[in-house]
């Protein structure tokens, strides 16, 4: 699965990139027909708490799944976003 990571107005650390690739690639095992994923990271108001935002879009044939989470760290946001996408994946499988 092709994973694209966009960091808005900051440089992405290699460790964070590896973390994202590891977590998002696990979604590919749940949805074998997934075409790819886009992850967008941004910082909202650097002086505020819980200012990290992670948007995850999972592109699947015929539909897209999306989760956006805000928190204190990108790792936390990614983990919560993955959990939200897993719920969406289960709901979609139940509809079939």
Protein backbone atom coordinates (compact mmCIF):
# COMPACT_ATOMS: atom_id res chain seq x y z
CA UNK A 1 0.00 0.00 0.00
CA UNK A 2 1.31 3.43 -0.95
CA UNK A 3 1.44 5.83 2.03
CA UNK A 4 1.91 9.56 1.44
CA UNK A 5 2.84 11.75 4.41
CA UNK A 6 2.49 15.53 4.24
CA UNK A 7 3.92 17.71 7.01
CA UNK A 8 2.50 21.23 6.78
CA UNK A 9 5.06 23.95 7.58
CA UNK A 10 7.53 21.73 9.44
CA UNK A 11 10.11 19.05 8.75
CA UNK A 12 9.05 15.49 9.51
CA UNK A 13 11.34 13.51 11.82
CA UNK A 14 12.44 10.12 10.52
CA UNK A 15 11.26 8.40 13.70
CA UNK A 16 7.75 9.85 13.28
CA UNK A 17 7.68 8.83 9.61
CA UNK A 18 8.56 5.23 10.54
CA UNK A 19 5.87 5.23 13.24
CA UNK A 20 3.23 6.43 10.76
CA UNK A 21 4.26 3.92 8.08
CA UNK A 22 4.15 1.07 10.60
CA UNK A 23 0.71 1.97 11.97
CA UNK A 24 -0.98 2.83 8.68
CA UNK A 25 0.39 -0.21 6.85
CA UNK A 26 -1.46 -2.41 9.37
CA UNK A 27 -4.72 -1.01 7.98
CA UNK A 28 -3.76 -2.51 4.64
CA UNK A 29 -3.99 -5.96 6.21
CA UNK A 30 -7.56 -5.23 7.34
CA UNK A 31 -8.54 -3.86 3.92
CA UNK A 32 -6.63 -5.75 1.22
CA UNK A 33 -8.35 -3.71 -1.51
CA UNK A 34 -6.90 -0.45 -0.12
CA UNK A 35 -5.18 1.58 -2.83
CA UNK A 36 -3.23 3.86 -0.52
CA UNK A 37 -3.31 6.30 2.34
CA UNK A 38 -2.65 10.01 2.81
CA UNK A 39 -1.55 11.35 6.18
CA UNK A 40 -1.45 15.10 6.75
CA UNK A 41 0.19 16.51 9.88
CA UNK A 42 -0.14 20.11 10.99
CA UNK A 43 0.35 22.26 14.06
CA UNK A 44 -2.52 24.54 15.07
CA UNK A 45 -1.44 27.59 17.13
CA UNK A 46 2.01 26.54 18.42
CA UNK A 47 1.41 28.19 21.82
CA UNK A 48 -1.75 26.16 22.59
CA UNK A 49 -2.01 22.74 24.23
CA UNK A 50 -3.24 19.80 22.15
CA UNK A 51 -2.22 21.66 19.01
CA UNK A 52 -1.16 18.69 16.86
CA UNK A 53 -3.60 17.59 14.13
CA UNK A 54 -3.39 14.40 12.10
CA UNK A 55 -5.70 13.68 9.16
CA UNK A 56 -5.70 10.14 7.76
CA UNK A 57 -7.43 9.28 4.50
CA UNK A 58 -7.59 5.63 3.48
CA UNK A 59 -8.38 5.22 -0.20
CA UNK A 60 -10.26 2.04 -1.04
CA UNK A 61 -11.86 1.01 -4.34
CA UNK A 62 -15.26 2.66 -4.47
CA UNK A 63 -15.00 4.71 -1.27
CA UNK A 64 -12.61 6.59 1.03
CA UNK A 65 -12.37 6.47 4.81
CA UNK A 66 -11.26 9.54 6.75
CA UNK A 67 -10.30 10.34 10.32
CA UNK A 68 -9.03 13.60 11.82
CA UNK A 69 -7.71 13.75 15.37
CA UNK A 70 -6.22 16.51 17.51
CA UNK A 71 -4.01 15.99 20.55
CA UNK A 72 -0.78 16.71 22.37
CA UNK A 73 1.47 14.59 20.15
CA UNK A 74 1.38 13.32 16.58
CA UNK A 75 1.81 9.74 17.80
CA UNK A 76 -1.30 10.06 19.97
CA UNK A 77 -3.29 11.57 17.08
CA UNK A 78 -2.18 8.85 14.65
CA UNK A 79 -3.08 6.06 17.10
CA UNK A 80 -6.53 7.54 17.75
CA UNK A 81 -7.07 8.08 14.02
CA UNK A 82 -6.13 4.46 13.26
CA UNK A 83 -8.60 3.28 15.92
CA UNK A 84 -11.34 5.44 14.36
CA UNK A 85 -10.57 4.03 10.91
CA UNK A 86 -10.74 0.47 12.26
CA UNK A 87 -14.27 1.17 13.49
CA UNK A 88 -15.21 2.57 10.06
CA UNK A 89 -13.70 -0.50 8.36
CA UNK A 90 -15.75 -2.84 10.58
CA UNK A 91 -18.95 -0.90 9.85
CA UNK A 92 -18.27 -1.05 6.14
CA UNK A 93 -17.58 -4.81 6.27
CA UNK A 94 -20.87 -5.32 8.15
CA UNK A 95 -22.77 -3.57 5.33
CA UNK A 96 -21.47 -6.02 2.72
